[in-house]
Amino acid sequence: MASVREIQNKKGTSYKVEVSNGYTADGKKIRETTTFVPDPTMTKKQQETELETLCRLYGKAEGKEKEILFRIIHKYGADKLEN
């Protein structure tokens, strides 16, 4: 399950997505994070839909797949991955 935090700045709204990726040998939680910056031309509903898709896919991905997945989503959009 991913947690999402909305971040407001001068350039607009972005979202910090954080996913737990297990624990280290000494019991510390491993956290994977990424920042999602939606296209400003998208409606609020489209941004929410794309963010939900990102969270679902990012939560399922592991290791290097997360970085590759995030680059694809930024370039083509999450809606292209659902088909």
N, C-alpha and C. Protein backbone atom coordinates (compact mmCIF):
# COMPACT_ATOMS: atom_id res chain seq x y z
N MET A 1 0.85 -1.17 0.00
CA MET A 1 0.00 0.00 0.00
C MET A 1 0.89 1.23 0.00
N ALA A 2 0.57 2.18 -0.84
CA ALA A 2 1.35 3.41 -0.95
C ALA A 2 0.70 4.52 -0.14
N SER A 3 1.55 5.38 0.42
CA SER A 3 1.03 6.57 1.06
C SER A 3 1.38 7.76 0.18
N VAL A 4 0.49 8.74 0.15
CA VAL A 4 0.65 9.89 -0.75
C VAL A 4 0.54 11.17 0.06
N ARG A 5 1.48 12.08 -0.20
CA ARG A 5 1.43 13.41 0.41
C ARG A 5 1.41 14.45 -0.68
N GLU A 6 0.48 15.39 -0.58
CA GLU A 6 0.40 16.48 -1.55
C GLU A 6 1.39 17.57 -1.14
N ILE A 7 2.12 18.09 -2.13
CA ILE A 7 3.11 19.12 -1.89
C ILE A 7 2.77 20.33 -2.75
N GLN A 8 2.59 21.47 -2.11
CA GLN A 8 2.31 22.72 -2.83
C GLN A 8 3.60 23.53 -2.90
N ASN A 9 3.93 24.02 -4.09
CA ASN A 9 5.09 24.89 -4.23
C ASN A 9 4.80 25.94 -5.30
N LYS A 10 5.80 26.74 -5.65
CA LYS A 10 5.61 27.82 -6.62
C LYS A 10 5.18 27.30 -7.99
N LYS A 11 5.63 26.12 -8.34
CA LYS A 11 5.33 25.56 -9.66
C LYS A 11 3.99 24.84 -9.72
N GLY A 12 3.33 24.67 -8.59
CA GLY A 12 2.03 23.99 -8.57
C GLY A 12 2.02 22.86 -7.56
N THR A 13 1.22 21.87 -7.86
CA THR A 13 1.05 20.74 -6.96
C THR A 13 1.84 19.54 -7.45
N SER A 14 2.51 18.87 -6.51
CA SER A 14 3.16 17.59 -6.81
C SER A 14 2.79 16.65 -5.67
N TYR A 15 3.09 15.37 -5.85
CA TYR A 15 2.73 14.37 -4.86
C TYR A 15 3.93 13.49 -4.55
N LYS A 16 4.16 13.24 -3.27
CA LYS A 16 5.22 12.34 -2.84
C LYS A 16 4.57 10.99 -2.56
N VAL A 17 5.02 9.97 -3.26
CA VAL A 17 4.49 8.62 -3.12
C VAL A 17 5.52 7.78 -2.38
N GLU A 18 5.12 7.12 -1.30
CA GLU A 18 6.03 6.31 -0.49
C GLU A 18 5.46 4.91 -0.34
N VAL A 19 6.32 3.91 -0.58
CA VAL A 19 5.93 2.51 -0.49
C VAL A 19 6.90 1.78 0.42
N SER A 20 6.39 0.94 1.29
CA SER A 20 7.23 0.12 2.14
C SER A 20 7.73 -1.07 1.33
N ASN A 21 9.01 -1.39 1.49
CA ASN A 21 9.61 -2.47 0.71
C ASN A 21 10.29 -3.47 1.65
N GLY A 22 9.61 -3.83 2.74
CA GLY A 22 10.16 -4.82 3.67
C GLY A 22 11.00 -4.18 4.75
N TYR A 23 11.86 -5.01 5.36
CA TYR A 23 12.69 -4.58 6.48
C TYR A 23 14.13 -5.00 6.27
N THR A 24 15.06 -4.24 6.87
CA THR A 24 16.47 -4.60 6.81
C THR A 24 16.74 -5.68 7.86
N ALA A 25 17.97 -6.19 7.87
CA ALA A 25 18.34 -7.24 8.84
C ALA A 25 18.26 -6.74 10.28
N ASP A 26 18.46 -5.45 10.49
CA ASP A 26 18.38 -4.91 11.85
C ASP A 26 17.00 -4.36 12.20
N GLY A 27 16.00 -4.63 11.37
CA GLY A 27 14.61 -4.30 11.70
C GLY A 27 14.11 -2.95 11.23
N LYS A 28 14.91 -2.20 10.49
CA LYS A 28 14.46 -0.91 9.99
C LYS A 28 13.63 -1.09 8.72
N LYS A 29 12.56 -0.28 8.60
CA LYS A 29 11.69 -0.37 7.44
C LYS A 29 12.39 0.23 6.22
N ILE A 30 12.30 -0.47 5.09
CA ILE A 30 12.86 0.03 3.84
C ILE A 30 11.74 0.79 3.13
N ARG A 31 11.99 2.06 2.82
CA ARG A 31 10.98 2.89 2.17
C ARG A 31 11.47 3.31 0.79
N GLU A 32 10.62 3.15 -0.19
CA GLU A 32 10.89 3.60 -1.55
C GLU A 32 10.01 4.82 -1.78
N THR A 33 10.58 5.92 -2.28
CA THR A 33 9.79 7.11 -2.53
C THR A 33 10.03 7.63 -3.94
N THR A 34 9.04 8.34 -4.45
CA THR A 34 9.15 9.02 -5.73
C THR A 34 8.23 10.22 -5.69
N THR A 35 8.47 11.17 -6.55
CA THR A 35 7.63 12.36 -6.63
C THR A 35 6.92 12.36 -7.98
N PHE A 36 5.62 12.56 -7.94
CA PHE A 36 4.80 12.61 -9.13
C PHE A 36 4.37 14.05 -9.37
N VAL A 37 4.72 14.59 -10.53
CA VAL A 37 4.32 15.95 -10.91
C VAL A 37 3.35 15.82 -12.07
N PRO A 38 2.05 16.05 -11.82
CA PRO A 38 1.07 15.88 -12.89
C PRO A 38 1.16 16.98 -13.94
N ASP A 39 0.70 16.67 -15.12
CA ASP A 39 0.63 17.63 -16.22
C ASP A 39 -0.35 18.74 -15.82
N PRO A 40 0.05 20.00 -15.88
CA PRO A 40 -0.83 21.08 -15.44
C PRO A 40 -2.09 21.24 -16.30
N THR A 41 -2.10 20.66 -17.49
CA THR A 41 -3.29 20.77 -18.35
C THR A 41 -4.36 19.76 -17.97
N MET A 42 -4.03 18.82 -17.09
CA MET A 42 -4.99 17.79 -16.68
C MET A 42 -5.97 18.36 -15.66
N THR A 43 -7.20 17.83 -15.69
CA THR A 43 -8.18 18.21 -14.68
C THR A 43 -7.81 17.55 -13.36
N LYS A 44 -8.42 18.01 -12.27
CA LYS A 44 -8.15 17.44 -10.95
C LYS A 44 -8.49 15.96 -10.94
N LYS A 45 -9.60 15.58 -11.56
CA LYS A 45 -10.03 14.18 -11.61
C LYS A 45 -9.01 13.33 -12.39
N GLN A 46 -8.51 13.84 -13.50
CA GLN A 46 -7.51 13.11 -14.28
C GLN A 46 -6.22 12.94 -13.48
N GLN A 47 -5.84 13.97 -12.74
CA GLN A 47 -4.64 13.88 -11.89
C GLN A 47 -4.82 12.81 -10.83
N GLU A 48 -6.00 12.78 -10.20
CA GLU A 48 -6.27 11.79 -9.15
C GLU A 48 -6.24 10.37 -9.72
N THR A 49 -6.83 10.18 -10.91
CA THR A 49 -6.85 8.87 -11.54
C THR A 49 -5.44 8.41 -11.87
N GLU A 50 -4.64 9.30 -12.43
CA GLU A 50 -3.26 8.94 -12.77
C GLU A 50 -2.44 8.64 -11.51
N LEU A 51 -2.67 9.40 -10.46
CA LEU A 51 -1.96 9.18 -9.20
C LEU A 51 -2.35 7.83 -8.59
N GLU A 52 -3.62 7.47 -8.63
CA GLU A 52 -4.07 6.17 -8.11
C GLU A 52 -3.43 5.03 -8.89
N THR A 53 -3.36 5.18 -10.22
CA THR A 53 -2.74 4.15 -11.06
C THR A 53 -1.26 4.04 -10.73
N LEU A 54 -0.59 5.17 -10.58
CA LEU A 54 0.83 5.17 -10.22
C LEU A 54 1.05 4.46 -8.89
N CYS A 55 0.23 4.76 -7.90
CA CYS A 55 0.37 4.13 -6.58
C CYS A 55 0.19 2.62 -6.67
N ARG A 56 -0.81 2.19 -7.41
CA ARG A 56 -1.08 0.75 -7.53
C ARG A 56 0.08 0.04 -8.22
N LEU A 57 0.54 0.59 -9.34
CA LEU A 57 1.62 -0.04 -10.09
C LEU A 57 2.95 0.05 -9.35
N TYR A 58 3.21 1.19 -8.74
CA TYR A 58 4.47 1.39 -8.01
C TYR A 58 4.55 0.46 -6.80
N GLY A 59 3.41 0.23 -6.17
CA GLY A 59 3.37 -0.67 -5.01
C GLY A 59 3.65 -2.11 -5.38
N LYS A 60 3.27 -2.51 -6.60
CA LYS A 60 3.48 -3.89 -7.05
C LYS A 60 4.89 -4.13 -7.60
N ALA A 61 5.53 -3.07 -8.11
CA ALA A 61 6.85 -3.20 -8.72
C ALA A 61 7.91 -3.43 -7.65
N GLU A 62 9.03 -4.02 -8.06
CA GLU A 62 10.11 -4.29 -7.12
C GLU A 62 11.44 -3.83 -7.71
N GLY A 63 12.31 -3.33 -6.84
CA GLY A 63 13.68 -2.97 -7.21
C GLY A 63 13.79 -2.01 -8.38
N LYS A 64 14.58 -2.38 -9.35
CA LYS A 64 14.87 -1.54 -10.52
C LYS A 64 13.61 -1.29 -11.34
N GLU A 65 12.62 -2.19 -11.24
CA GLU A 65 11.37 -2.03 -11.98
C GLU A 65 10.68 -0.72 -11.61
N LYS A 66 10.80 -0.29 -10.34
CA LYS A 66 10.15 0.93 -9.90
C LYS A 66 10.70 2.15 -10.64
N GLU A 67 12.01 2.21 -10.79
CA GLU A 67 12.62 3.34 -11.49
C GLU A 67 12.19 3.36 -12.95
N ILE A 68 12.22 2.19 -13.59
CA ILE A 68 11.84 2.09 -15.00
C ILE A 68 10.36 2.45 -15.17
N LEU A 69 9.52 1.91 -14.29
CA LEU A 69 8.08 2.18 -14.34
C LEU A 69 7.81 3.67 -14.19
N PHE A 70 8.47 4.32 -13.27
CA PHE A 70 8.25 5.74 -13.05
C PHE A 70 8.65 6.57 -14.27
N ARG A 71 9.75 6.20 -14.91
CA ARG A 71 10.17 6.92 -16.12
C ARG A 71 9.15 6.76 -17.25
N ILE A 72 8.61 5.56 -17.40
CA ILE A 72 7.60 5.31 -18.43
C ILE A 72 6.35 6.14 -18.15
N ILE A 73 5.91 6.15 -16.90
CA ILE A 73 4.70 6.90 -16.55
C ILE A 73 4.91 8.39 -16.80
N HIS A 74 6.08 8.92 -16.45
CA HIS A 74 6.33 10.34 -16.69
C HIS A 74 6.34 10.66 -18.18
N LYS A 75 6.83 9.75 -18.99
CA LYS A 75 6.93 10.03 -20.42
C LYS A 75 5.61 9.84 -21.15
N TYR A 76 4.88 8.77 -20.83
CA TYR A 76 3.69 8.42 -21.60
C TYR A 76 2.38 8.57 -20.85
N GLY A 77 2.41 8.61 -19.52
CA GLY A 77 1.20 8.72 -18.71
C GLY A 77 0.75 7.35 -18.22
N ALA A 78 0.17 7.32 -17.04
CA ALA A 78 -0.25 6.06 -16.43
C ALA A 78 -1.40 5.43 -17.19
N ASP A 79 -2.23 6.23 -17.83
CA ASP A 79 -3.37 5.66 -18.56
C ASP A 79 -2.94 4.75 -19.70
N LYS A 80 -1.74 4.94 -20.22
CA LYS A 80 -1.24 4.09 -21.32
C LYS A 80 -0.84 2.70 -20.81
N LEU A 81 -0.57 2.55 -19.51
CA LEU A 81 -0.13 1.28 -18.95
C LEU A 81 -1.29 0.35 -18.61
N GLU A 82 -2.49 0.88 -18.51
CA GLU A 82 -3.62 0.06 -18.11
C GLU A 82 -4.11 -0.84 -19.23
N ASN A 83 -3.82 -0.51 -20.47
CA ASN A 83 -4.30 -1.31 -21.60
C ASN A 83 -3.52 -2.57 -21.80
